[in-house]
Amino acid sequence: MAGGWARDGAVNEQIEASIAEELERLRATRAAGGPGLTHCAECEEPIPEARRKAIPGVRLCIDCQGERDAQAAARGGINRRGSKDSQLK
């Protein structure tokens, strides 16, 4: 289901194209002679070699990745759908 003037399947095609582009970027990075960046994309600190080998294409150091993960988990939830349990209270 596409919205507006887009044809059916256009959204899925865009998602698949984005995934294909990212995979191609990762393959090019790996073929260029390295398992990933040598320095963090955010703080520019060196990424340990063991982390680069364990996670090919890694872009963040452990500290920056931890901060990013904490931000994603910090989102609390308001039940906007109004489940049956919340309506009974």
PDB file of N, CA and C in Angstrom:
ATOM      1  N   MET A   1       0.844  -1.170   0.000  1.00  0.00           N
ATOM      2  CA  MET A   1       0.000   0.000   0.000  1.00  0.00           C
ATOM      3  C   MET A   1       0.891   1.235   0.000  1.00  0.00           C
ATOM      4  N   ALA A   2       0.744   2.045  -0.991  1.00  0.00           N
ATOM      5  CA  ALA A   2       1.498   3.281  -1.088  1.00  0.00           C
ATOM      6  C   ALA A   2       0.561   4.448  -0.818  1.00  0.00           C
ATOM      7  N   GLY A   3       1.110   5.557  -0.420  1.00  0.00           N
ATOM      8  CA  GLY A   3       0.277   6.718  -0.129  1.00  0.00           C
ATOM      9  C   GLY A   3       0.482   7.807  -1.156  1.00  0.00           C
ATOM     10  N   GLY A   4      -0.502   8.665  -1.292  1.00  0.00           N
ATOM     11  CA  GLY A   4      -0.380   9.789  -2.209  1.00  0.00           C
ATOM     12  C   GLY A   4      -0.312   9.346  -3.649  1.00  0.00           C
ATOM     13  N   TRP A   5       0.663   9.897  -4.373  1.00  0.00           N
ATOM     14  CA  TRP A   5       0.796   9.612  -5.797  1.00  0.00           C
ATOM     15  C   TRP A   5       1.727   8.438  -6.078  1.00  0.00           C
ATOM     16  N   ALA A   6       2.266   7.836  -5.044  1.00  0.00           N
ATOM     17  CA  ALA A   6       3.206   6.725  -5.235  1.00  0.00           C
ATOM     18  C   ALA A   6       2.459   5.459  -5.661  1.00  0.00           C
ATOM     19  N   ARG A   7       3.095   4.669  -6.445  1.00  0.00           N
ATOM     20  CA  ARG A   7       2.474   3.419  -6.902  1.00  0.00           C
ATOM     21  C   ARG A   7       2.571   2.367  -5.798  1.00  0.00           C
ATOM     22  N   ASP A   8       1.801   1.322  -5.928  1.00  0.00           N
ATOM     23  CA  ASP A   8       1.828   0.241  -4.952  1.00  0.00           C
ATOM     24  C   ASP A   8       3.217  -0.383  -4.894  1.00  0.00           C
ATOM     25  N   GLY A   9       3.705  -0.619  -3.695  1.00  0.00           N
ATOM     26  CA  GLY A   9       4.998  -1.241  -3.514  1.00  0.00           C
ATOM     27  C   GLY A   9       6.169  -0.276  -3.512  1.00  0.00           C
ATOM     28  N   ALA A  10       5.909   1.021  -3.707  1.00  0.00           N
ATOM     29  CA  ALA A  10       7.001   1.993  -3.782  1.00  0.00           C
ATOM     30  C   ALA A  10       7.750   2.110  -2.452  1.00  0.00           C
ATOM     31  N   VAL A  11       7.020   2.018  -1.355  1.00  0.00           N
ATOM     32  CA  VAL A  11       7.659   2.131  -0.042  1.00  0.00           C
ATOM     33  C   VAL A  11       8.585   0.945   0.183  1.00  0.00           C
ATOM     34  N   ASN A  12       8.119  -0.251  -0.120  1.00  0.00           N
ATOM     35  CA  ASN A  12       8.962  -1.441   0.039  1.00  0.00           C
ATOM     36  C   ASN A  12      10.180  -1.388  -0.873  1.00  0.00           C
ATOM     37  N   GLU A  13      10.016  -0.878  -2.075  1.00  0.00           N
ATOM     38  CA  GLU A  13      11.150  -0.745  -2.990  1.00  0.00           C
ATOM     39  C   GLU A  13      12.196   0.214  -2.424  1.00  0.00           C
ATOM     40  N   GLN A  14      11.744   1.305  -1.817  1.00  0.00           N
ATOM     41  CA  GLN A  14      12.676   2.270  -1.233  1.00  0.00           C
ATOM     42  C   GLN A  14      13.423   1.653  -0.056  1.00  0.00           C
ATOM     43  N   ILE A  15      12.719   0.897   0.773  1.00  0.00           N
ATOM     44  CA  ILE A  15      13.361   0.235   1.906  1.00  0.00           C
ATOM     45  C   ILE A  15      14.405  -0.766   1.409  1.00  0.00           C
ATOM     46  N   GLU A  16      14.031  -1.565   0.424  1.00  0.00           N
ATOM     47  CA  GLU A  16      14.969  -2.544  -0.124  1.00  0.00           C
ATOM     48  C   GLU A  16      16.174  -1.867  -0.762  1.00  0.00           C
ATOM     49  N   ALA A  17      15.964  -0.731  -1.438  1.00  0.00           N
ATOM     50  CA  ALA A  17      17.077   0.005  -2.045  1.00  0.00           C
ATOM     51  C   ALA A  17      18.019   0.549  -0.967  1.00  0.00           C
ATOM     52  N   SER A  18      17.448   1.048   0.129  1.00  0.00           N
ATOM     53  CA  SER A  18      18.281   1.562   1.221  1.00  0.00           C
ATOM     54  C   SER A  18      19.124   0.455   1.842  1.00  0.00           C
ATOM     55  N   ILE A  19      18.513  -0.702   2.038  1.00  0.00           N
ATOM     56  CA  ILE A  19      19.243  -1.842   2.598  1.00  0.00           C
ATOM     57  C   ILE A  19      20.348  -2.280   1.645  1.00  0.00           C
ATOM     58  N   ALA A  20      20.036  -2.341   0.358  1.00  0.00           N
ATOM     59  CA  ALA A  20      21.034  -2.750  -0.630  1.00  0.00           C
ATOM     60  C   ALA A  20      22.209  -1.769  -0.672  1.00  0.00           C
ATOM     61  N   GLU A  21      21.927  -0.471  -0.570  1.00  0.00           N
ATOM     62  CA  GLU A  21      22.995   0.527  -0.564  1.00  0.00           C
ATOM     63  C   GLU A  21      23.887   0.379   0.661  1.00  0.00           C
ATOM     64  N   GLU A  22      23.278   0.141   1.823  1.00  0.00           N
ATOM     65  CA  GLU A  22      24.066  -0.024   3.044  1.00  0.00           C
ATOM     66  C   GLU A  22      24.924  -1.284   2.978  1.00  0.00           C
ATOM     67  N   LEU A  23      24.356  -2.365   2.462  1.00  0.00           N
ATOM     68  CA  LEU A  23      25.141  -3.595   2.308  1.00  0.00           C
ATOM     69  C   LEU A  23      26.310  -3.379   1.356  1.00  0.00           C
ATOM     70  N   GLU A  24      26.078  -2.661   0.280  1.00  0.00           N
ATOM     71  CA  GLU A  24      27.159  -2.377  -0.670  1.00  0.00           C
ATOM     72  C   GLU A  24      28.248  -1.529  -0.014  1.00  0.00           C
ATOM     73  N   ARG A  25      27.845  -0.548   0.814  1.00  0.00           N
ATOM     74  CA  ARG A  25      28.821   0.277   1.527  1.00  0.00           C
ATOM     75  C   ARG A  25      29.654  -0.573   2.481  1.00  0.00           C
ATOM     76  N   LEU A  26      28.993  -1.488   3.197  1.00  0.00           N
ATOM     77  CA  LEU A  26      29.717  -2.363   4.119  1.00  0.00           C
ATOM     78  C   LEU A  26      30.669  -3.294   3.373  1.00  0.00           C
ATOM     79  N   ARG A  27      30.219  -3.828   2.258  1.00  0.00           N
ATOM     80  CA  ARG A  27      31.093  -4.706   1.460  1.00  0.00           C
ATOM     81  C   ARG A  27      32.296  -3.939   0.930  1.00  0.00           C
ATOM     82  N   ALA A  28      32.088  -2.704   0.503  1.00  0.00           N
ATOM     83  CA  ALA A  28      33.191  -1.889  -0.005  1.00  0.00           C
ATOM     84  C   ALA A  28      34.186  -1.578   1.111  1.00  0.00           C
ATOM     85  N   THR A  29      33.662  -1.304   2.305  1.00  0.00           N
ATOM     86  CA  THR A  29      34.537  -1.036   3.452  1.00  0.00           C
ATOM     87  C   THR A  29      35.375  -2.259   3.776  1.00  0.00           C
ATOM     88  N   ARG A  30      34.743  -3.416   3.781  1.00  0.00           N
ATOM     89  CA  ARG A  30      35.447  -4.655   4.083  1.00  0.00           C
ATOM     90  C   ARG A  30      36.476  -4.969   3.001  1.00  0.00           C
ATOM     91  N   ALA A  31      36.136  -4.730   1.727  1.00  0.00           N
ATOM     92  CA  ALA A  31      37.054  -5.009   0.627  1.00  0.00           C
ATOM     93  C   ALA A  31      38.228  -4.030   0.604  1.00  0.00           C
ATOM     94  N   ALA A  32      38.036  -2.858   1.201  1.00  0.00           N
ATOM     95  CA  ALA A  32      39.094  -1.848   1.203  1.00  0.00           C
ATOM     96  C   ALA A  32      40.227  -2.205   2.144  1.00  0.00           C
ATOM     97  N   GLY A  33      40.092  -3.319   2.848  1.00  0.00           N
ATOM     98  CA  GLY A  33      41.209  -3.762   3.668  1.00  0.00           C
ATOM     99  C   GLY A  33      41.010  -3.600   5.151  1.00  0.00           C
ATOM    100  N   GLY A  34      39.829  -3.330   5.576  1.00  0.00           N
ATOM    101  CA  GLY A  34      39.629  -3.170   7.001  1.00  0.00           C
ATOM    102  C   GLY A  34      38.285  -3.686   7.443  1.00  0.00           C
ATOM    103  N   PRO A  35      38.217  -4.195   8.663  1.00  0.00           N
ATOM    104  CA  PRO A  35      36.937  -4.669   9.161  1.00  0.00           C
ATOM    105  C   PRO A  35      36.013  -3.522   9.552  1.00  0.00           C
ATOM    106  N   GLY A  36      36.471  -2.298   9.544  1.00  0.00           N
ATOM    107  CA  GLY A  36      35.640  -1.147   9.885  1.00  0.00           C
ATOM    108  C   GLY A  36      36.497   0.069  10.105  1.00  0.00           C
ATOM    109  N   LEU A  37      35.893   1.100  10.638  1.00  0.00           N
ATOM    110  CA  LEU A  37      36.638   2.306  10.944  1.00  0.00           C
ATOM    111  C   LEU A  37      37.620   2.042  12.071  1.00  0.00           C
ATOM    112  N   THR A  38      38.696   2.785  12.091  1.00  0.00           N
ATOM    113  CA  THR A  38      39.660   2.620  13.173  1.00  0.00           C
ATOM    114  C   THR A  38      39.380   3.582  14.316  1.00  0.00           C
ATOM    115  N   HIS A  39      38.571   4.631  14.053  1.00  0.00           N
ATOM    116  CA  HIS A  39      38.234   5.616  15.075  1.00  0.00           C
ATOM    117  C   HIS A  39      36.722   5.817  15.110  1.00  0.00           C
ATOM    118  N   CYS A  40      36.223   6.146  16.280  1.00  0.00           N
ATOM    119  CA  CYS A  40      34.793   6.350  16.501  1.00  0.00           C
ATOM    120  C   CYS A  40      34.272   7.510  15.642  1.00  0.00           C
ATOM    121  N   ALA A  41      33.087   7.329  15.076  1.00  0.00           N
ATOM    122  CA  ALA A  41      32.492   8.355  14.229  1.00  0.00           C
ATOM    123  C   ALA A  41      32.008   9.554  15.035  1.00  0.00           C
ATOM    124  N   GLU A  42      31.804   9.392  16.339  1.00  0.00           N
ATOM    125  CA  GLU A  42      31.309  10.499  17.158  1.00  0.00           C
ATOM    126  C   GLU A  42      32.409  11.194  17.949  1.00  0.00           C
ATOM    127  N   CYS A  43      33.198  10.433  18.707  1.00  0.00           N
ATOM    128  CA  CYS A  43      34.204  11.056  19.579  1.00  0.00           C
ATOM    129  C   CYS A  43      35.620  10.972  19.013  1.00  0.00           C
ATOM    130  N   GLU A  44      35.819  10.247  17.946  1.00  0.00           N
ATOM    131  CA  GLU A  44      37.099  10.087  17.264  1.00  0.00           C
ATOM    132  C   GLU A  44      38.165   9.389  18.102  1.00  0.00           C
ATOM    133  N   GLU A  45      37.753   8.690  19.151  1.00  0.00           N
ATOM    134  CA  GLU A  45      38.682   7.865  19.930  1.00  0.00           C
ATOM    135  C   GLU A  45      38.948   6.579  19.150  1.00  0.00           C
ATOM    136  N   PRO A  46      40.107   5.960  19.308  1.00  0.00           N
ATOM    137  CA  PRO A  46      40.386   4.699  18.609  1.00  0.00           C
ATOM    138  C   PRO A  46      39.430   3.588  19.050  1.00  0.00           C
ATOM    139  N   ILE A  47      38.980   2.803  18.075  1.00  0.00           N
ATOM    140  CA  ILE A  47      38.147   1.646  18.368  1.00  0.00           C
ATOM    141  C   ILE A  47      39.086   0.450  18.527  1.00  0.00           C
ATOM    142  N   PRO A  48      38.998  -0.283  19.636  1.00  0.00           N
ATOM    143  CA  PRO A  48      39.895  -1.428  19.834  1.00  0.00           C
ATOM    144  C   PRO A  48      39.771  -2.444  18.691  1.00  0.00           C
ATOM    145  N   GLU A  49      40.897  -3.025  18.336  1.00  0.00           N
ATOM    146  CA  GLU A  49      40.933  -3.984  17.228  1.00  0.00           C
ATOM    147  C   GLU A  49      40.009  -5.165  17.477  1.00  0.00           C
ATOM    148  N   ALA A  50      39.932  -5.629  18.718  1.00  0.00           N
ATOM    149  CA  ALA A  50      39.054  -6.769  19.034  1.00  0.00           C
ATOM    150  C   ALA A  50      37.599  -6.431  18.724  1.00  0.00           C
ATOM    151  N   ARG A  51      37.169  -5.200  19.012  1.00  0.00           N
ATOM    152  CA  ARG A  51      35.789  -4.791  18.711  1.00  0.00           C
ATOM    153  C   ARG A  51      35.576  -4.710  17.210  1.00  0.00           C
ATOM    154  N   ARG A  52      36.556  -4.196  16.477  1.00  0.00           N
ATOM    155  CA  ARG A  52      36.430  -4.101  15.021  1.00  0.00           C
ATOM    156  C   ARG A  52      36.340  -5.470  14.378  1.00  0.00           C
ATOM    157  N   LYS A  53      37.065  -6.450  14.938  1.00  0.00           N
ATOM    158  CA  LYS A  53      37.004  -7.808  14.395  1.00  0.00           C
ATOM    159  C   LYS A  53      35.694  -8.495  14.771  1.00  0.00           C
ATOM    160  N   ALA A  54      35.217  -8.229  15.985  1.00  0.00           N
ATOM    161  CA  ALA A  54      33.991  -8.878  16.452  1.00  0.00           C
ATOM    162  C   ALA A  54      32.755  -8.347  15.735  1.00  0.00           C
ATOM    163  N   ILE A  55      32.759  -7.045  15.404  1.00  0.00           N
ATOM    164  CA  ILE A  55      31.609  -6.417  14.750  1.00  0.00           C
ATOM    165  C   ILE A  55      32.102  -5.721  13.484  1.00  0.00           C
ATOM    166  N   PRO A  56      32.140  -6.426  12.360  1.00  0.00           N
ATOM    167  CA  PRO A  56      32.618  -5.814  11.119  1.00  0.00           C
ATOM    168  C   PRO A  56      31.780  -4.591  10.752  1.00  0.00           C
ATOM    169  N   GLY A  57      32.453  -3.511  10.383  1.00  0.00           N
ATOM    170  CA  GLY A  57      31.761  -2.292   9.994  1.00  0.00           C
ATOM    171  C   GLY A  57      31.330  -1.419  11.156  1.00  0.00           C
ATOM    172  N   VAL A  58      31.822  -1.724  12.362  1.00  0.00           N
ATOM    173  CA  VAL A  58      31.445  -0.937  13.537  1.00  0.00           C
ATOM    174  C   VAL A  58      31.888   0.511  13.350  1.00  0.00           C
ATOM    175  N   ARG A  59      31.037   1.451  13.802  1.00  0.00           N
ATOM    176  CA  ARG A  59      31.343   2.870  13.613  1.00  0.00           C
ATOM    177  C   ARG A  59      31.533   3.604  14.930  1.00  0.00           C
ATOM    178  N   LEU A  60      31.104   3.005  16.049  1.00  0.00           N
ATOM    179  CA  LEU A  60      31.165   3.680  17.336  1.00  0.00           C
ATOM    180  C   LEU A  60      31.997   2.891  18.330  1.00  0.00           C
ATOM    181  N   CYS A  61      32.655   3.621  19.240  1.00  0.00           N
ATOM    182  CA  CYS A  61      33.380   2.967  20.322  1.00  0.00           C
ATOM    183  C   CYS A  61      32.365   2.445  21.347  1.00  0.00           C
ATOM    184  N   ILE A  62      32.826   1.698  22.316  1.00  0.00           N
ATOM    185  CA  ILE A  62      31.937   1.088  23.304  1.00  0.00           C
ATOM    186  C   ILE A  62      31.184   2.152  24.097  1.00  0.00           C
ATOM    187  N   ASP A  63      31.863   3.224  24.503  1.00  0.00           N
ATOM    188  CA  ASP A  63      31.219   4.273  25.295  1.00  0.00           C
ATOM    189  C   ASP A  63      30.108   4.968  24.515  1.00  0.00           C
ATOM    190  N   CYS A  64      30.390   5.362  23.276  1.00  0.00           N
ATOM    191  CA  CYS A  64      29.381   6.055  22.463  1.00  0.00           C
ATOM    192  C   CYS A  64      28.209   5.132  22.139  1.00  0.00           C
ATOM    193  N   GLN A  65      28.497   3.864  21.866  1.00  0.00           N
ATOM    194  CA  GLN A  65      27.422   2.912  21.589  1.00  0.00           C
ATOM    195  C   GLN A  65      26.557   2.719  22.826  1.00  0.00           C
ATOM    196  N   GLY A  66      27.190   2.667  24.004  1.00  0.00           N
ATOM    197  CA  GLY A  66      26.441   2.531  25.250  1.00  0.00           C
ATOM    198  C   GLY A  66      25.523   3.713  25.496  1.00  0.00           C
ATOM    199  N   GLU A  67      26.025   4.925  25.217  1.00  0.00           N
ATOM    200  CA  GLU A  67      25.200   6.124  25.363  1.00  0.00           C
ATOM    201  C   GLU A  67      24.018   6.099  24.406  1.00  0.00           C
ATOM    202  N   ARG A  68      24.267   5.684  23.173  1.00  0.00           N
ATOM    203  CA  ARG A  68      23.194   5.613  22.178  1.00  0.00           C
ATOM    204  C   ARG A  68      22.146   4.573  22.574  1.00  0.00           C
ATOM    205  N   ASP A  69      22.592   3.438  23.088  1.00  0.00           N
ATOM    206  CA  ASP A  69      21.659   2.406  23.532  1.00  0.00           C
ATOM    207  C   ASP A  69      20.827   2.883  24.720  1.00  0.00           C
ATOM    208  N   ALA A  70      21.451   3.636  25.635  1.00  0.00           N
ATOM    209  CA  ALA A  70      20.731   4.141  26.804  1.00  0.00           C
ATOM    210  C   ALA A  70      19.667   5.157  26.392  1.00  0.00           C
ATOM    211  N   GLN A  71      19.964   5.975  25.394  1.00  0.00           N
ATOM    212  CA  GLN A  71      18.987   6.950  24.915  1.00  0.00           C
ATOM    213  C   GLN A  71      17.778   6.254  24.305  1.00  0.00           C
ATOM    214  N   ALA A  72      18.010   5.187  23.573  1.00  0.00           N
ATOM    215  CA  ALA A  72      16.905   4.473  22.935  1.00  0.00           C
ATOM    216  C   ALA A  72      16.034   3.787  23.984  1.00  0.00           C
ATOM    217  N   ALA A  73      16.629   3.293  25.050  1.00  0.00           N
ATOM    218  CA  ALA A  73      15.873   2.580  26.077  1.00  0.00           C
ATOM    219  C   ALA A  73      15.167   3.540  27.028  1.00  0.00           C
ATOM    220  N   ALA A  74      15.568   4.802  27.062  1.00  0.00           N
ATOM    221  CA  ALA A  74      15.013   5.754  28.009  1.00  0.00           C
ATOM    222  C   ALA A  74      13.591   6.187  27.664  1.00  0.00           C
ATOM    223  N   ARG A  75      13.152   5.888  26.475  1.00  0.00           N
ATOM    224  CA  ARG A  75      11.797   6.294  26.096  1.00  0.00           C
ATOM    225  C   ARG A  75      10.776   5.555  26.942  1.00  0.00           C
ATOM    226  N   GLY A  76      10.062   6.297  27.707  1.00  0.00           N
ATOM    227  CA  GLY A  76       8.997   5.712  28.499  1.00  0.00           C
ATOM    228  C   GLY A  76       7.787   5.517  27.609  1.00  0.00           C
ATOM    229  N   GLY A  77       6.762   4.984  28.165  1.00  0.00           N
ATOM    230  CA  GLY A  77       5.624   4.746  27.314  1.00  0.00           C
ATOM    231  C   GLY A  77       4.327   5.247  27.897  1.00  0.00           C
ATOM    232  N   ILE A  78       3.605   5.939  27.065  1.00  0.00           N
ATOM    233  CA  ILE A  78       2.229   6.263  27.365  1.00  0.00           C
ATOM    234  C   ILE A  78       1.418   5.392  26.435  1.00  0.00           C
ATOM    235  N   ASN A  79       0.504   4.679  26.984  1.00  0.00           N
ATOM    236  CA  ASN A  79      -0.296   3.791  26.162  1.00  0.00           C
ATOM    237  C   ASN A  79      -1.318   4.619  25.403  1.00  0.00           C
ATOM    238  N   ARG A  80      -0.983   4.988  24.185  1.00  0.00           N
ATOM    239  CA  ARG A  80      -1.873   5.824  23.393  1.00  0.00           C
ATOM    240  C   ARG A  80      -2.981   5.015  22.740  1.00  0.00           C
ATOM    241  N   ARG A  81      -2.827   3.720  22.689  1.00  0.00           N
ATOM    242  CA  ARG A  81      -3.862   2.896  22.075  1.00  0.00           C
ATOM    243  C   ARG A  81      -5.060   2.691  22.999  1.00  0.00           C
ATOM    244  N   GLY A  82      -4.834   2.834  24.272  1.00  0.00           N
ATOM    245  CA  GLY A  82      -5.920   2.644  25.213  1.00  0.00           C
ATOM    246  C   GLY A  82      -6.327   1.185  25.308  1.00  0.00           C
ATOM    247  N   SER A  83      -5.435   0.374  25.849  1.00  0.00           N
ATOM    248  CA  SER A  83      -5.750  -1.041  25.977  1.00  0.00           C
ATOM    249  C   SER A  83      -6.919  -1.231  26.933  1.00  0.00           C
ATOM    250  N   LYS A  84      -7.499  -2.406  26.918  1.00  0.00           N
ATOM    251  CA  LYS A  84      -8.643  -2.685  27.782  1.00  0.00           C
ATOM    252  C   LYS A  84      -8.283  -2.494  29.248  1.00  0.00           C
ATOM    253  N   ASP A  85      -7.061  -2.892  29.629  1.00  0.00           N
ATOM    254  CA  ASP A  85      -6.655  -2.741  31.013  1.00  0.00           C
ATOM    255  C   ASP A  85      -6.638  -1.282  31.441  1.00  0.00           C
ATOM    256  N   SER A  86      -6.144  -0.395  30.553  1.00  0.00           N
ATOM    257  CA  SER A  86      -6.075   1.018  30.935  1.00  0.00           C
ATOM    258  C   SER A  86      -7.462   1.644  30.955  1.00  0.00           C
ATOM    259  N   GLN A  87      -8.402   1.112  30.210  1.00  0.00           N
ATOM    260  CA  GLN A  87      -9.745   1.668  30.208  1.00  0.00           C
ATOM    261  C   GLN A  87     -10.542   1.241  31.436  1.00  0.00           C
ATOM    262  N   LEU A  88     -10.152   0.100  32.011  1.00  0.00           N
ATOM    263  CA  LEU A  88     -10.877  -0.397  33.178  1.00  0.00           C
ATOM    264  C   LEU A  88     -10.518   0.327  34.448  1.00  0.00           C
ATOM    265  N   LYS A  89      -9.377   0.987  34.487  1.00  0.00           N
ATOM    266  CA  LYS A  89      -8.912   1.642  35.721  1.00  0.00           C
ATOM    267  C   LYS A  89      -9.557   2.969  35.947  1.00  0.00           C
TER     268      LYS A  89
END
